[in-house]
Amino acid sequence: MILSAIGSALLAALGFWIFGGFALRLGGALLVIAGAAGLAITGDANGLLLVALGAAAWWAGHLHYALRHGAWRSALAGRAFERLMHGEE
């Protein structure tokens, strides 16, 4: 039983390491689109929460990619990280 749990955890960690960056970037982009569409169609401010969560997931996906590959997937994500770490100059 314990070996099955360890194996499942290792498989999940490997899957996240391989596909996590892509999944976070895609999911974040879809959340931003859904939140913006909801905000535009209904005018409900709850769409802003989806936009913010989607942007955070998108950026986390880029951070995951940068940790894995040693380079940023997009210049925008790299610049956002630099501004966050070093402040606006």
N, C-alpha and C. Protein backbone atom coordinates (compact mmCIF):
# COMPACT_ATOMS: atom_id res chain seq x y z
N MET A 1 0.82 -1.19 0.00
CA MET A 1 0.00 0.00 0.00
C MET A 1 0.87 1.26 0.00
N ILE A 2 1.89 1.31 0.84
CA ILE A 2 2.74 2.48 0.91
C ILE A 2 3.56 2.65 -0.37
N LEU A 3 3.98 1.54 -0.97
CA LEU A 3 4.73 1.63 -2.22
C LEU A 3 3.86 2.18 -3.35
N SER A 4 2.60 1.84 -3.34
CA SER A 4 1.66 2.36 -4.33
C SER A 4 1.50 3.87 -4.17
N ALA A 5 1.41 4.34 -2.95
CA ALA A 5 1.27 5.77 -2.70
C ALA A 5 2.54 6.52 -3.11
N ILE A 6 3.69 5.95 -2.81
CA ILE A 6 4.96 6.59 -3.19
C ILE A 6 5.08 6.63 -4.71
N GLY A 7 4.74 5.53 -5.37
CA GLY A 7 4.80 5.48 -6.83
C GLY A 7 3.85 6.48 -7.47
N SER A 8 2.66 6.60 -6.92
CA SER A 8 1.69 7.57 -7.44
C SER A 8 2.18 8.99 -7.25
N ALA A 9 2.77 9.27 -6.10
CA ALA A 9 3.30 10.61 -5.85
C ALA A 9 4.45 10.93 -6.79
N LEU A 10 5.33 9.98 -7.02
CA LEU A 10 6.45 10.19 -7.94
C LEU A 10 5.95 10.41 -9.37
N LEU A 11 4.95 9.64 -9.78
CA LEU A 11 4.38 9.80 -11.11
C LEU A 11 3.71 11.16 -11.27
N ALA A 12 3.00 11.60 -10.23
CA ALA A 12 2.36 12.92 -10.27
C ALA A 12 3.41 14.03 -10.34
N ALA A 13 4.48 13.90 -9.57
CA ALA A 13 5.55 14.91 -9.58
C ALA A 13 6.23 14.96 -10.94
N LEU A 14 6.48 13.80 -11.53
CA LEU A 14 7.10 13.75 -12.85
C LEU A 14 6.17 14.36 -13.90
N GLY A 15 4.88 14.05 -13.82
CA GLY A 15 3.92 14.63 -14.75
C GLY A 15 3.85 16.14 -14.63
N PHE A 16 3.88 16.65 -13.38
CA PHE A 16 3.87 18.10 -13.20
C PHE A 16 5.15 18.72 -13.74
N TRP A 17 6.28 18.07 -13.53
CA TRP A 17 7.55 18.61 -14.00
C TRP A 17 7.58 18.70 -15.52
N ILE A 18 6.98 17.69 -16.18
CA ILE A 18 7.01 17.67 -17.64
C ILE A 18 5.91 18.57 -18.23
N PHE A 19 4.69 18.48 -17.73
CA PHE A 19 3.56 19.16 -18.34
C PHE A 19 3.03 20.35 -17.54
N GLY A 20 3.59 20.62 -16.37
CA GLY A 20 3.05 21.65 -15.49
C GLY A 20 3.11 23.06 -16.06
N GLY A 21 4.22 23.42 -16.67
CA GLY A 21 4.36 24.76 -17.23
C GLY A 21 3.35 25.01 -18.33
N PHE A 22 3.21 24.04 -19.22
CA PHE A 22 2.24 24.19 -20.31
C PHE A 22 0.82 24.25 -19.78
N ALA A 23 0.51 23.39 -18.82
CA ALA A 23 -0.85 23.36 -18.27
C ALA A 23 -1.18 24.67 -17.55
N LEU A 24 -0.23 25.21 -16.80
CA LEU A 24 -0.48 26.48 -16.11
C LEU A 24 -0.63 27.63 -17.09
N ARG A 25 0.21 27.67 -18.13
CA ARG A 25 0.11 28.76 -19.12
C ARG A 25 -1.20 28.68 -19.88
N LEU A 26 -1.58 27.48 -20.32
CA LEU A 26 -2.83 27.33 -21.07
C LEU A 26 -4.04 27.60 -20.18
N GLY A 27 -4.05 27.03 -18.99
CA GLY A 27 -5.17 27.27 -18.07
C GLY A 27 -5.29 28.73 -17.69
N GLY A 28 -4.16 29.38 -17.46
CA GLY A 28 -4.19 30.81 -17.12
C GLY A 28 -4.73 31.65 -18.26
N ALA A 29 -4.30 31.35 -19.47
CA ALA A 29 -4.81 32.10 -20.63
C ALA A 29 -6.32 31.90 -20.79
N LEU A 30 -6.78 30.67 -20.60
CA LEU A 30 -8.21 30.41 -20.71
C LEU A 30 -9.01 31.12 -19.62
N LEU A 31 -8.45 31.19 -18.41
CA LEU A 31 -9.12 31.91 -17.33
C LEU A 31 -9.20 33.42 -17.62
N VAL A 32 -8.12 33.97 -18.18
CA VAL A 32 -8.13 35.40 -18.52
C VAL A 32 -9.20 35.67 -19.58
N ILE A 33 -9.26 34.81 -20.60
CA ILE A 33 -10.25 35.00 -21.66
C ILE A 33 -11.66 34.86 -21.09
N ALA A 34 -11.90 33.85 -20.26
CA ALA A 34 -13.23 33.64 -19.69
C ALA A 34 -13.61 34.81 -18.78
N GLY A 35 -12.68 35.27 -17.97
CA GLY A 35 -12.98 36.40 -17.08
C GLY A 35 -13.26 37.67 -17.84
N ALA A 36 -12.47 37.94 -18.89
CA ALA A 36 -12.69 39.14 -19.69
C ALA A 36 -14.01 39.06 -20.44
N ALA A 37 -14.34 37.88 -20.96
CA ALA A 37 -15.62 37.72 -21.66
C ALA A 37 -16.78 37.88 -20.69
N GLY A 38 -16.67 37.30 -19.52
CA GLY A 38 -17.72 37.46 -18.52
C GLY A 38 -17.89 38.90 -18.08
N LEU A 39 -16.78 39.59 -17.95
CA LEU A 39 -16.83 41.01 -17.58
C LEU A 39 -17.47 41.83 -18.69
N ALA A 40 -17.14 41.53 -19.94
CA ALA A 40 -17.68 42.29 -21.06
C ALA A 40 -19.16 41.99 -21.29
N ILE A 41 -19.56 40.73 -21.13
CA ILE A 41 -20.94 40.35 -21.43
C ILE A 41 -21.89 40.74 -20.31
N THR A 42 -21.53 40.40 -19.08
CA THR A 42 -22.45 40.64 -17.97
C THR A 42 -22.15 41.91 -17.19
N GLY A 43 -20.93 42.42 -17.28
CA GLY A 43 -20.57 43.60 -16.51
C GLY A 43 -20.35 43.30 -15.05
N ASP A 44 -20.31 42.00 -14.70
CA ASP A 44 -20.12 41.58 -13.32
C ASP A 44 -18.63 41.69 -12.96
N ALA A 45 -18.34 42.34 -11.85
CA ALA A 45 -16.95 42.56 -11.45
C ALA A 45 -16.25 41.28 -11.02
N ASN A 46 -16.98 40.18 -10.84
CA ASN A 46 -16.34 38.91 -10.50
C ASN A 46 -15.43 38.42 -11.61
N GLY A 47 -15.62 38.90 -12.82
CA GLY A 47 -14.73 38.56 -13.92
C GLY A 47 -13.32 39.03 -13.67
N LEU A 48 -13.17 40.09 -12.90
CA LEU A 48 -11.82 40.58 -12.58
C LEU A 48 -11.04 39.57 -11.75
N LEU A 49 -11.73 38.84 -10.90
CA LEU A 49 -11.08 37.81 -10.10
C LEU A 49 -10.54 36.71 -11.00
N LEU A 50 -11.34 36.29 -11.99
CA LEU A 50 -10.87 35.28 -12.94
C LEU A 50 -9.69 35.79 -13.74
N VAL A 51 -9.73 37.05 -14.14
CA VAL A 51 -8.62 37.62 -14.88
C VAL A 51 -7.35 37.62 -14.03
N ALA A 52 -7.47 38.01 -12.78
CA ALA A 52 -6.31 38.05 -11.89
C ALA A 52 -5.76 36.65 -11.62
N LEU A 53 -6.65 35.68 -11.36
CA LEU A 53 -6.20 34.31 -11.14
C LEU A 53 -5.57 33.72 -12.40
N GLY A 54 -6.16 34.03 -13.54
CA GLY A 54 -5.60 33.55 -14.80
C GLY A 54 -4.23 34.14 -15.08
N ALA A 55 -4.08 35.42 -14.82
CA ALA A 55 -2.77 36.06 -15.03
C ALA A 55 -1.73 35.47 -14.09
N ALA A 56 -2.12 35.19 -12.85
CA ALA A 56 -1.19 34.58 -11.89
C ALA A 56 -0.80 33.16 -12.33
N ALA A 57 -1.78 32.39 -12.82
CA ALA A 57 -1.48 31.04 -13.30
C ALA A 57 -0.59 31.08 -14.54
N TRP A 58 -0.88 32.01 -15.45
CA TRP A 58 -0.05 32.17 -16.66
C TRP A 58 1.39 32.48 -16.28
N TRP A 59 1.56 33.40 -15.33
CA TRP A 59 2.90 33.79 -14.91
C TRP A 59 3.61 32.65 -14.17
N ALA A 60 2.86 31.91 -13.37
CA ALA A 60 3.43 30.75 -12.67
C ALA A 60 3.89 29.70 -13.67
N GLY A 61 3.14 29.53 -14.75
CA GLY A 61 3.56 28.60 -15.80
C GLY A 61 4.86 29.04 -16.46
N HIS A 62 5.01 30.32 -16.66
CA HIS A 62 6.27 30.83 -17.23
C HIS A 62 7.41 30.69 -16.23
N LEU A 63 7.13 30.89 -14.96
CA LEU A 63 8.15 30.70 -13.93
C LEU A 63 8.58 29.24 -13.88
N HIS A 64 7.62 28.33 -13.97
CA HIS A 64 7.93 26.89 -14.02
C HIS A 64 8.81 26.57 -15.22
N TYR A 65 8.47 27.14 -16.37
CA TYR A 65 9.27 26.92 -17.59
C TYR A 65 10.69 27.45 -17.40
N ALA A 66 10.81 28.63 -16.80
CA ALA A 66 12.13 29.23 -16.59
C ALA A 66 12.97 28.39 -15.63
N LEU A 67 12.36 27.86 -14.60
CA LEU A 67 13.09 27.00 -13.67
C LEU A 67 13.54 25.71 -14.35
N ARG A 68 12.70 25.20 -15.23
CA ARG A 68 13.01 23.93 -15.89
C ARG A 68 14.04 24.09 -17.00
N HIS A 69 13.94 25.15 -17.79
CA HIS A 69 14.78 25.31 -18.97
C HIS A 69 15.88 26.37 -18.83
N GLY A 70 15.83 27.17 -17.79
CA GLY A 70 16.86 28.18 -17.59
C GLY A 70 16.68 29.42 -18.45
N ALA A 71 15.54 29.58 -19.09
CA ALA A 71 15.25 30.75 -19.92
C ALA A 71 13.75 31.02 -19.87
N TRP A 72 13.40 32.27 -20.05
CA TRP A 72 11.98 32.63 -20.03
C TRP A 72 11.34 32.25 -21.35
N ARG A 73 10.11 31.80 -21.30
CA ARG A 73 9.36 31.44 -22.50
C ARG A 73 8.92 32.69 -23.25
N SER A 74 8.67 33.77 -22.54
CA SER A 74 8.31 35.03 -23.19
C SER A 74 9.05 36.17 -22.52
N ALA A 75 9.31 37.20 -23.29
CA ALA A 75 10.01 38.37 -22.76
C ALA A 75 9.13 39.11 -21.74
N LEU A 76 7.83 39.09 -21.95
CA LEU A 76 6.92 39.76 -21.02
C LEU A 76 7.00 39.16 -19.62
N ALA A 77 7.01 37.84 -19.53
CA ALA A 77 7.12 37.18 -18.23
C ALA A 77 8.47 37.48 -17.57
N GLY A 78 9.52 37.50 -18.36
CA GLY A 78 10.85 37.81 -17.83
C GLY A 78 10.93 39.23 -17.30
N ARG A 79 10.36 40.16 -18.05
CA ARG A 79 10.36 41.56 -17.59
C ARG A 79 9.52 41.74 -16.33
N ALA A 80 8.38 41.03 -16.26
CA ALA A 80 7.54 41.11 -15.06
C ALA A 80 8.30 40.58 -13.85
N PHE A 81 9.04 39.51 -14.02
CA PHE A 81 9.83 38.96 -12.92
C PHE A 81 10.93 39.92 -12.51
N GLU A 82 11.61 40.49 -13.47
CA GLU A 82 12.68 41.45 -13.15
C GLU A 82 12.14 42.66 -12.39
N ARG A 83 10.99 43.17 -12.81
CA ARG A 83 10.40 44.32 -12.12
C ARG A 83 9.95 43.94 -10.72
N LEU A 84 9.44 42.73 -10.56
CA LEU A 84 8.99 42.28 -9.25
C LEU A 84 10.18 42.14 -8.30
N MET A 85 11.28 41.61 -8.80
CA MET A 85 12.45 41.36 -7.94
C MET A 85 13.26 42.63 -7.69
N HIS A 86 13.36 43.50 -8.68
CA HIS A 86 14.25 44.65 -8.55
C HIS A 86 13.51 45.98 -8.46
N GLY A 87 12.22 45.95 -8.58
CA GLY A 87 11.44 47.19 -8.52
C GLY A 87 11.55 47.95 -9.82
N GLU A 88 10.71 48.97 -9.96
CA GLU A 88 10.74 49.78 -11.18
C GLU A 88 11.92 50.72 -11.11
N GLU A 89 12.65 50.75 -12.20
CA GLU A 89 13.84 51.61 -12.25
C GLU A 89 13.74 52.56 -13.41
